[in-house]
Amino acid sequence: MLVAMGLVVAVAVAVTVVVALVLALSRALPAALPHALSRSVLLRAAVRSRRRLELGGSEVRRGQELRLQRLLPPGTFRGSEAFREQHPLRPGCDGGNPGGAVPSLRPWALLRSFWSTDPPLQASLLYLDTLRATFPRALAPRGTALLSWSPGVPRAPVGWLLPTLYCTPAPAGPLPSRAASLRVQLLFALRERGLRVLEAGTATELHDALVVLRAGWPGLAQELALGRLSPQPGLPEGVRGRLQALLTPDTARAAQLRVECALGFQGIVRRLWPQLELVVLGTAHGAEQLYCESLRQGECQGLPFYCPFYRAAGALLGVNLWPEEPAPRFLLCPDWAFYEFLPCPAEEELRTVLLGELWEGREYGLVLTAEPGEYRCRSGEVLRVTGFHRQCPVVEPVRRERQTLSVRGESIPEDRFYRTLCRAVDMWPGARLVDYVCVESALLGASSGASAPHYEVFVELRGLRDLSEGQRYKLDQCLQEDFPVYKSFRFKGSIGPLRLHMVGAGAFARLREALGPSGPMPRVLREERLLQLVQSSVIS
């Protein structure tokens, strides 16, 4: 045992020395050589991380007990049962940064990777290992473009351990304006015809960047041709100067952009970047599903979408080992947090079950202990168990409890309302749903009048300029068909008729700017300022 441990340490030290040399020589060597050396070293560490994951999947209970012991103050651990008896459930988690700040990249980070269970480090290594096995050409130097707004503090991309993967300049991410940040990052992505990966923090960010392309491609083509970055709101002059220094005139690429955009935007992403392997998204489930479907049918037609990680309440919890599958599934990693689960529907006694006690096909509310001092927090996320990898459950996020509509206790979940809305939109000839958000009438205050409590729904549509009264009523009718409790309240007059509003193009982009980098798009607004912003964009 001691010999084996000594061998591991010796190998780890050797790896660290190699990485240190690579980082020291990176400025003096051609760009591809440091990338190749770093990639080789990191992939070796990634293989070890994958082996650790497989081993941990066979000892889930032991791994969970060890993780909980590390999260508690020294000398206080008495087992998971005693922990649950001592600490009551908390109503919510603090949240944290949805993407996580960029960790400091030091040579010793690789040394730690041989025994550390630090989730960001292990997650990035597992991402590199998954790409190596499935899309090896995606690991090309400067082959990944990043579209991600992170004002103040740069957000860590999924492959942060290998920064030479990225062609996007770091100053483009933390700009004060979301629109400016996405536009600048898009411009630098357009310079690289040989892109292999298009990465975005969320599906909405990719969607909004491609909206910028659709609306402003002549200006982008001109900036490519001239090698000049135009002044724009939200782009400080000092930052603009530093970014412009990285540009050079490229008339050939500008001409390609004009030709492809003139042909239309169906499948435009693959036409602009013919060598693109896949689209990587930080979040592609739940509220982001609408944008994923729109992108798959439109601009990103024919490309696989891969969501590598599952995060909840600011904590990194799971990894997706199946990048070629269309629906993301996540293996919950025993070493990354201590997990508990509340069976759904809720039982009278709130008694949690543990990671090794779940049943395939059932839904559970997620309870987390992911940080010291933040014990047994109800995350508000509901997960469905789709299977197991060894003893570890594989889950898919289903809905967020805070996004449930309820004015009389009827409780219409986020995922089911979305399906009902899509069914109603399918009945409107020529219409396609772009985006939507809901409001409970209590938020409107006196402006809602003397009517009974009700829902107000704001939609952005393509293919329709106006909504008839019959179309507005259709959504309320579909809700009554899908939710008997809602129908009962409507029949008794306890809930008033749903009010449907149509907003103009760009309304939801402005809403996301106002929300900030807060993770997935909310579907039920709880703040008056956000409601007023959406109301100001109503056109029908």
Foldseek 3Di string as FASTA:
>chain_A
DVVVVVVLLVVLVVLLVQLVVLVVCCVVDDPQVSLVSLLVSLLVLLVLLVVVQLVCLQVLQVLLLVLVCVQEPPPPDDTPVVVPVVDDAAAAFPQAFQQAFQDDAHSCLSSCSSPDPAPLSNQLSPVSNLCCVPPVVLSGFQQEQEQEADAPGQGQDSNSNRVRSHQFDRVLHRFLFSLSSLQLSVLSVLVDLAHAEYEYQALVRVVVSVVCCLVPLVVSLVCQQQLADDDDPRQDPVNRVVSSVPTDHDNPSSVQSVVLVVVPQFQSVCSSRVNYAAYEYCDCDALNVLSVVVCCRGNNPPHFYAHAFDDFSNFTFWGFSCRRDRATKTFGRSNQWWKWWAWPPHDPDRDTDGQQPDDAQTKTFIFTDGHRPRHGGRRQWIWHFHDGSNRTTIIHTQFGNVLWDDDPPLTDTRNNLVVLVVVLQVPPPQKDWDDKAKEWCVLVPCVVPPAATEMEMETEIPRDDDDDPVSQQSSQVSCVVVRVVSVVCPVVRNYDGYHYFYFYPPLVVVLDRVVHSSDRDRRYDDDNVSVVSRVVGTDD
